[in-house]
Amino acid sequence: MGINMGVAGHFQLPVKGEYHDNFLDAQAAARGNLDRDRQKTLFDRLDWLDALHRMALRGRKPLLLRTHDGEHDLWLPLMQSATGCYDALANWYNFTFRPIFAGSYDEVTKLALLRQIALLAQGHARRITLSPLPDEDGSASLTATAFEQAGWVVVKRQCDENHYLRVNGRSFDEYWQGRPGQLRSTVKRKGSKGMVSIRIAKDFDEQSWADYEKVYARSWKPSEGSPDFLRDLARQEAAAGCLRLGLAYIDGKPAAAQFWTSENGTALIHKLAHDERYLSASPGTLLSAALFQYSIDIDHVSEIDFGTGSDSYKNEWMEEVRPRYALDIFWPNHMLNWPHIIRHKLRKE
């Protein structure tokens, strides 16, 4: 559904705004700009958004906003939460959510496109909540500025944090020397006993995935929110050569499992679990060490990302933490938003 915004700004052509309520139309409009070869980050791809919606968010109506001028292109994928309200099309499987640009644009171009998205959104939503936005790339701040310039009231708050490791050209041995002594001692002692065997699979096969699911079911983790989505993701990433499925066995039985992907210099740790019955053998710790070594010495990644969450064990493996933000965005002319806007203004005073 196309709408001409009629605003040229600094663009050569008028900026057009449009929205789509299904992924088939969005795919045709995107013309490959949201595919793997154009988008470096997993969470910025149409395949991710489509699968996440089909398998984990089916009950939420999508609203895929787009602005473009023939040369520059921006998408903001949303989903309906309640009458007049929309959220980021994302959930706990996302490490990040952000507006998706089809190229490497300067900040002036990004801001202009985002401002048109904000104007387009006025016709659809009274309130929008976006999270988890990164800001090391300026996504959270630039999006907030654009919506404010378009007349919205924006509340920016930290909603989570992300533990990550910058390898900085180190080998695994060099990285390992910087780990806590207790962690290094555990890996040395437990590994020397030879009880745990480890396998890292790059191809998808049903038996390996069944072993992963067995471990997860017997772990301390809550029941999986959308197991079909994860299975589909593992298949997809294996086909692209990006799957790293780590499995640890004791006496031939799966004792620990971790689901990683590795692409474009970054390893993502999606899921990890261990069977509580084998806790004394530390299969999860030994498996983590093996996957870190593989990622650093074999895949030669520049960054390892542990996703969102403040779990204390992440501090043993990671060296840095960065915030993730939520933007609560209110259209001020809608009376249902007034109490929220008033509370926000009172907090600022």
Protein backbone atom coordinates (compact mmCIF):
# COMPACT_ATOMS: atom_id res chain seq x y z
CA MET A 1 0.00 0.00 0.00
CA GLY A 2 1.81 3.12 -1.16
CA ILE A 3 1.47 6.65 0.18
CA ASN A 4 3.43 9.58 -1.26
CA MET A 5 4.68 11.63 1.66
CA GLY A 6 5.51 14.48 -0.70
CA VAL A 7 8.60 15.58 1.23
CA ALA A 8 11.84 16.01 -0.68
CA GLY A 9 14.13 17.15 2.14
CA HIS A 10 17.71 16.72 0.98
CA PHE A 11 16.72 13.82 -1.29
CA GLN A 12 16.91 13.97 -5.07
CA LEU A 13 13.42 12.44 -5.38
CA PRO A 14 10.28 12.80 -3.22
CA VAL A 15 10.27 10.44 -0.26
CA LYS A 16 7.45 7.91 -0.42
CA GLY A 17 5.91 6.12 2.52
CA GLU A 18 4.05 2.83 2.41
CA TYR A 19 2.94 0.05 4.70
CA HIS A 20 2.39 -3.69 4.33
CA ASP A 21 0.34 -6.04 6.48
CA ASN A 22 1.83 -9.27 5.10
CA PHE A 23 5.31 -10.56 4.35
CA LEU A 24 4.63 -11.62 0.77
CA ASP A 25 3.93 -8.04 -0.29
CA ALA A 26 6.85 -6.79 1.80
CA GLN A 27 9.21 -9.23 0.11
CA ALA A 28 8.16 -8.00 -3.33
CA ALA A 29 8.58 -4.36 -2.28
CA ALA A 30 11.96 -4.94 -0.64
CA ARG A 31 13.45 -6.34 -3.88
CA GLY A 32 16.13 -8.24 -2.01
CA ASN A 33 17.18 -5.35 0.24
CA LEU A 34 16.25 -7.34 3.35
CA ASP A 35 17.96 -10.57 2.25
CA ARG A 36 21.07 -12.16 3.78
CA ASP A 37 23.46 -10.77 1.18
CA ARG A 38 22.29 -7.20 1.86
CA GLN A 39 21.81 -7.31 5.64
CA LYS A 40 24.82 -8.23 7.74
CA THR A 41 22.85 -8.85 10.94
CA LEU A 42 20.53 -11.84 11.37
CA PHE A 43 17.83 -9.84 13.15
CA ASP A 44 17.56 -7.28 10.32
CA ARG A 45 16.49 -9.81 7.68
CA LEU A 46 13.04 -10.46 6.28
CA ASP A 47 13.54 -14.23 6.68
CA TRP A 48 14.02 -13.73 10.42
CA LEU A 49 10.98 -11.44 10.73
CA ASP A 50 8.73 -13.70 8.67
CA ALA A 51 9.67 -16.89 10.55
CA LEU A 52 9.43 -15.17 13.94
CA HIS A 53 5.95 -13.93 13.13
CA ARG A 54 4.72 -17.25 11.68
CA MET A 55 6.04 -19.46 14.45
CA ALA A 56 6.22 -17.32 17.57
CA LEU A 57 4.00 -14.26 17.08
CA ARG A 58 1.21 -15.51 14.84
CA GLY A 59 -1.54 -13.81 16.82
CA ARG A 60 -0.04 -10.35 16.33
CA LYS A 61 -0.98 -8.45 13.16
CA PRO A 62 2.14 -7.16 11.39
CA LEU A 63 2.59 -3.57 10.24
CA LEU A 64 5.68 -3.19 8.08
CA LEU A 65 6.40 0.51 7.52
CA ARG A 66 8.68 1.64 4.70
CA THR A 67 10.04 4.94 3.40
CA HIS A 68 12.14 5.28 0.26
CA ASP A 69 13.07 7.67 -2.51
CA GLY A 70 14.21 5.24 -5.19
CA GLU A 71 17.79 5.27 -3.91
CA HIS A 72 17.48 5.12 -0.11
CA ASP A 73 15.28 2.62 1.70
CA LEU A 74 14.18 2.14 5.34
CA TRP A 75 11.90 -0.40 7.03
CA LEU A 76 10.37 -0.42 10.52
CA PRO A 77 8.64 -3.76 11.29
CA LEU A 78 5.92 -3.50 13.93
CA MET A 79 3.12 -5.68 15.26
CA GLN A 80 -0.20 -4.76 16.82
CA SER A 81 -0.53 -5.24 20.57
CA ALA A 82 -3.86 -3.58 21.35
CA THR A 83 -6.19 -1.04 19.78
CA GLY A 84 -4.04 1.78 18.47
CA CYS A 85 -0.83 0.40 19.98
CA TYR A 86 2.13 -1.26 18.25
CA ASP A 87 5.34 -2.94 19.37
CA ALA A 88 8.58 -3.84 17.67
CA LEU A 89 8.19 -7.07 15.73
CA ALA A 90 10.57 -8.86 18.07
CA ASN A 91 10.66 -11.05 21.17
CA TRP A 92 13.13 -12.74 23.53
CA TYR A 93 14.90 -14.44 20.62
CA ASN A 94 16.10 -11.04 19.38
CA PHE A 95 19.49 -9.78 20.49
CA THR A 96 18.58 -6.43 18.93
CA PHE A 97 15.76 -4.65 17.14
CA ARG A 98 16.26 -1.49 15.10
CA PRO A 99 15.05 0.36 12.00
CA ILE A 100 16.46 -1.46 8.98
CA PHE A 101 18.31 0.56 6.36
CA ALA A 102 19.00 -0.94 2.94
CA GLY A 103 22.48 0.57 2.74
CA SER A 104 25.21 2.45 4.60
CA TYR A 105 23.78 5.95 4.77
CA ASP A 106 25.06 9.05 6.54
CA GLU A 107 23.25 10.29 9.64
CA VAL A 108 21.46 13.09 7.77
CA THR A 109 19.93 10.56 5.38
CA LYS A 110 19.04 8.16 8.19
CA LEU A 111 17.36 10.90 10.20
CA ALA A 112 15.35 12.12 7.21
CA LEU A 113 14.10 8.62 6.42
CA LEU A 114 13.26 7.94 10.06
CA ARG A 115 11.36 11.20 10.31
CA GLN A 116 9.18 10.15 7.38
CA ILE A 117 8.56 6.78 9.05
CA ALA A 118 7.44 8.68 12.15
CA LEU A 119 5.06 10.80 10.06
CA LEU A 120 3.70 7.69 8.35
CA ALA A 121 3.13 6.00 11.71
CA GLN A 122 0.79 8.79 12.81
CA GLY A 123 -1.92 7.31 10.62
CA HIS A 124 -1.69 3.90 12.26
CA ALA A 125 -0.70 4.08 15.92
CA ARG A 126 -1.27 6.20 18.97
CA ARG A 127 1.53 4.50 20.89
CA ILE A 128 4.61 2.56 19.75
CA THR A 129 7.10 0.64 21.90
CA LEU A 130 10.44 -0.36 20.37
CA SER A 131 12.98 -2.67 22.04
CA PRO A 132 15.68 -3.90 22.43
CA LEU A 133 17.45 -1.12 20.55
CA PRO A 134 21.24 -0.83 20.45
CA ASP A 135 22.82 2.60 20.64
CA GLU A 136 26.46 1.87 19.87
CA ASP A 137 25.39 2.38 16.24
CA GLY A 138 23.13 5.33 17.13
CA SER A 139 19.88 3.42 16.51
CA ALA A 140 18.12 4.32 19.76
CA SER A 141 19.14 7.99 19.84
CA LEU A 142 18.52 8.63 16.14
CA THR A 143 15.11 6.97 16.24
CA ALA A 144 14.11 8.97 19.31
CA THR A 145 15.22 12.22 17.68
CA ALA A 146 13.33 11.47 14.46
CA PHE A 147 10.05 10.71 16.23
CA GLU A 148 10.39 13.81 18.41
CA GLN A 149 10.98 15.95 15.32
CA ALA A 150 7.80 14.47 13.81
CA GLY A 151 5.78 15.58 16.84
CA TRP A 152 5.76 12.46 19.01
CA VAL A 153 6.65 12.35 22.72
CA VAL A 154 9.46 9.85 23.26
CA VAL A 155 10.62 8.23 26.51
CA LYS A 156 13.99 6.50 26.23
CA ARG A 157 14.92 3.99 28.94
CA GLN A 158 17.37 1.15 29.38
CA CYS A 159 15.50 -2.15 29.24
CA ASP A 160 18.32 -4.71 29.22
CA GLU A 161 22.03 -5.22 28.73
CA ASN A 162 24.26 -7.17 26.38
CA HIS A 163 27.46 -8.98 27.38
CA TYR A 164 29.98 -9.34 24.59
CA LEU A 165 33.62 -10.03 23.81
CA ARG A 166 35.84 -8.15 21.40
CA VAL A 167 38.55 -10.59 20.39
CA ASN A 168 40.96 -7.87 19.23
CA GLY A 169 43.11 -10.29 17.24
CA ARG A 170 43.87 -12.61 20.16
CA SER A 171 44.26 -16.35 19.91
CA PHE A 172 42.11 -18.49 22.19
CA ASP A 173 45.14 -19.15 24.44
CA GLU A 174 45.70 -15.41 24.83
CA TYR A 175 42.02 -14.85 25.58
CA TRP A 176 41.99 -17.78 28.02
CA GLN A 177 44.83 -16.36 30.09
CA GLY A 178 42.55 -13.46 30.96
CA ARG A 179 39.73 -15.63 32.31
CA PRO A 180 39.11 -16.02 36.05
CA GLY A 181 41.40 -18.54 37.71
CA GLN A 182 38.53 -20.63 39.02
CA LEU A 183 37.08 -21.03 35.52
CA ARG A 184 40.43 -22.05 34.05
CA SER A 185 40.99 -24.49 36.90
CA THR A 186 37.56 -26.08 36.40
CA VAL A 187 38.16 -26.62 32.69
CA LYS A 188 41.61 -28.10 33.34
CA ARG A 189 40.48 -30.45 36.13
CA LYS A 190 37.24 -31.65 34.58
CA GLY A 191 38.69 -31.89 31.10
CA SER A 192 41.60 -34.05 32.25
CA LYS A 193 39.21 -36.72 33.53
CA GLY A 194 38.09 -37.56 30.01
CA MET A 195 34.46 -38.09 31.00
CA VAL A 196 33.05 -35.55 28.56
CA SER A 197 33.22 -35.85 24.77
CA ILE A 198 32.39 -32.82 22.66
CA ARG A 199 31.12 -32.37 19.14
CA ILE A 200 30.50 -29.14 17.20
CA ALA A 201 28.09 -29.64 14.31
CA LYS A 202 27.86 -27.26 11.35
CA ASP A 203 25.25 -29.32 9.51
CA PHE A 204 21.71 -29.87 10.72
CA ASP A 205 20.62 -33.43 11.46
CA GLU A 206 17.60 -34.70 13.34
CA GLN A 207 19.54 -36.75 15.90
CA SER A 208 21.77 -33.85 16.94
CA TRP A 209 18.79 -31.56 17.30
CA ALA A 210 16.92 -34.21 19.28
CA ASP A 211 19.92 -34.38 21.62
CA TYR A 212 19.82 -30.59 22.00
CA GLU A 213 16.11 -30.72 22.87
CA LYS A 214 16.66 -33.56 25.38
CA VAL A 215 19.25 -31.52 27.23
CA TYR A 216 17.09 -28.41 27.21
CA ALA A 217 14.10 -30.33 28.57
CA ARG A 218 16.20 -31.60 31.50
CA SER A 219 17.87 -28.29 32.28
CA TRP A 220 17.03 -25.48 34.67
CA LYS A 221 15.60 -23.50 31.75
CA PRO A 222 11.85 -22.84 31.43
CA SER A 223 9.98 -24.62 28.65
CA GLU A 224 10.93 -23.37 25.20
CA GLY A 225 8.63 -20.65 23.92
CA SER A 226 8.75 -21.64 20.26
CA PRO A 227 10.74 -24.83 19.58
CA ASP A 228 9.61 -24.93 15.94
CA PHE A 229 11.08 -21.49 15.35
CA LEU A 230 14.45 -22.53 16.78
CA ARG A 231 14.52 -25.73 14.74
CA ASP A 232 13.71 -23.76 11.58
CA LEU A 233 16.42 -21.24 12.43
CA ALA A 234 18.98 -24.00 12.94
CA ARG A 235 18.10 -25.54 9.57
CA GLN A 236 18.29 -22.17 7.84
CA GLU A 237 21.63 -21.23 9.38
CA ALA A 238 23.11 -24.67 8.65
CA ALA A 239 22.18 -24.26 4.98
CA ALA A 240 24.02 -20.93 5.00
CA GLY A 241 27.08 -22.46 6.69
CA CYS A 242 26.54 -20.49 9.89
CA LEU A 243 25.30 -23.10 12.40
CA ARG A 244 27.54 -24.06 15.31
CA LEU A 245 25.63 -26.61 17.41
CA GLY A 246 27.73 -27.71 20.36
CA LEU A 247 26.94 -31.00 22.10
CA ALA A 248 28.64 -32.59 25.11
CA TYR A 249 28.16 -36.29 25.90
CA ILE A 250 28.83 -38.44 28.97
CA ASP A 251 28.72 -42.20 28.43
CA GLY A 252 27.11 -41.55 25.04
CA LYS A 253 24.25 -39.53 26.51
CA PRO A 254 23.75 -35.80 25.80
CA ALA A 255 24.72 -33.79 28.89
CA ALA A 256 25.04 -30.21 27.60
CA ALA A 257 24.06 -28.33 24.45
CA GLN A 258 24.61 -24.88 22.99
CA PHE A 259 23.15 -23.28 19.87
CA TRP A 260 25.48 -20.72 18.26
CA THR A 261 25.64 -19.10 14.84
CA SER A 262 28.71 -17.53 13.27
CA GLU A 263 28.65 -15.04 10.41
CA ASN A 264 30.35 -11.87 9.21
CA GLY A 265 32.91 -11.98 12.00
CA THR A 266 30.41 -12.31 14.85
CA ALA A 267 29.41 -15.40 16.83
CA LEU A 268 25.97 -15.29 18.47
CA ILE A 269 25.19 -17.47 21.49
CA HIS A 270 21.47 -18.16 21.12
CA LYS A 271 20.85 -20.96 23.61
CA LEU A 272 22.74 -23.00 26.18
CA ALA A 273 21.66 -25.65 28.66
CA HIS A 274 22.95 -28.63 30.61
CA ASP A 275 21.36 -31.69 32.18
CA GLU A 276 21.37 -31.16 35.95
CA ARG A 277 22.17 -34.84 36.53
CA TYR A 278 25.68 -34.32 35.15
CA LEU A 279 26.44 -31.04 36.91
CA SER A 280 29.45 -32.39 38.81
CA ALA A 281 31.26 -33.12 35.52
CA SER A 282 30.81 -29.51 34.29
CA PRO A 283 29.84 -30.48 30.73
CA GLY A 284 28.40 -27.04 30.03
CA THR A 285 31.60 -25.27 31.05
CA LEU A 286 33.75 -27.62 28.96
CA LEU A 287 31.43 -27.14 25.99
CA SER A 288 31.60 -23.35 26.32
CA ALA A 289 35.40 -23.47 26.32
CA ALA A 290 35.36 -25.62 23.17
CA LEU A 291 32.98 -23.30 21.35
CA PHE A 292 34.92 -20.20 22.32
CA GLN A 293 38.10 -21.86 21.07
CA TYR A 294 36.43 -22.89 17.81
CA SER A 295 35.00 -19.41 17.24
CA ILE A 296 38.29 -17.63 17.94
CA ASP A 297 40.85 -20.00 16.39
CA ILE A 298 38.84 -21.64 13.58
CA ASP A 299 36.13 -19.13 12.62
CA HIS A 300 38.42 -16.17 13.47
CA VAL A 301 35.52 -14.04 14.68
CA SER A 302 36.12 -10.51 15.88
CA GLU A 303 33.21 -10.53 18.36
CA ILE A 304 31.23 -13.03 20.44
CA ASP A 305 27.78 -11.87 21.54
CA PHE A 306 26.03 -13.41 24.56
CA GLY A 307 22.69 -11.76 23.83
CA THR A 308 20.54 -9.97 26.38
CA GLY A 309 20.30 -10.66 30.09
CA SER A 310 22.29 -10.02 33.25
CA ASP A 311 23.18 -13.61 34.17
CA SER A 312 26.26 -13.57 36.41
CA TYR A 313 28.00 -16.45 34.61
CA LYS A 314 28.37 -14.25 31.52
CA ASN A 315 30.95 -12.15 33.37
CA GLU A 316 33.32 -15.12 33.45
CA TRP A 317 33.42 -15.34 29.66
CA MET A 318 32.79 -11.78 28.47
CA GLU A 319 34.71 -8.58 29.01
CA GLU A 320 32.28 -5.78 28.16
CA VAL A 321 28.64 -4.83 28.66
CA ARG A 322 26.55 -2.43 26.62
CA PRO A 323 22.99 -1.23 27.23
CA ARG A 324 19.86 -2.08 25.29
CA TYR A 325 17.10 0.51 25.17
CA ALA A 326 13.34 0.73 24.87
CA LEU A 327 11.56 3.70 23.32
CA ASP A 328 8.01 4.42 24.49
CA ILE A 329 6.58 6.68 21.79
CA PHE A 330 3.29 8.56 22.32
CA TRP A 331 1.22 10.60 19.89
CA PRO A 332 0.32 13.66 22.02
CA ASN A 333 -3.05 14.38 20.39
CA HIS A 334 -4.58 11.12 21.62
CA MET A 335 -6.22 11.49 25.03
CA LEU A 336 -5.39 7.92 26.12
CA ASN A 337 -1.72 8.90 25.99
CA TRP A 338 -2.06 11.98 28.17
CA PRO A 339 -1.55 10.26 31.56
CA HIS A 340 1.68 8.66 30.29
CA ILE A 341 2.93 11.95 28.86
CA ILE A 342 2.13 13.83 32.08
CA ARG A 343 3.98 11.26 34.19
CA HIS A 344 6.97 11.52 31.87
CA LYS A 345 7.04 15.30 32.11
CA LEU A 346 6.75 15.21 35.91
CA ARG A 347 9.73 12.84 36.14
CA LYS A 348 11.82 15.21 34.03
CA GLU A 349 11.11 18.19 36.29
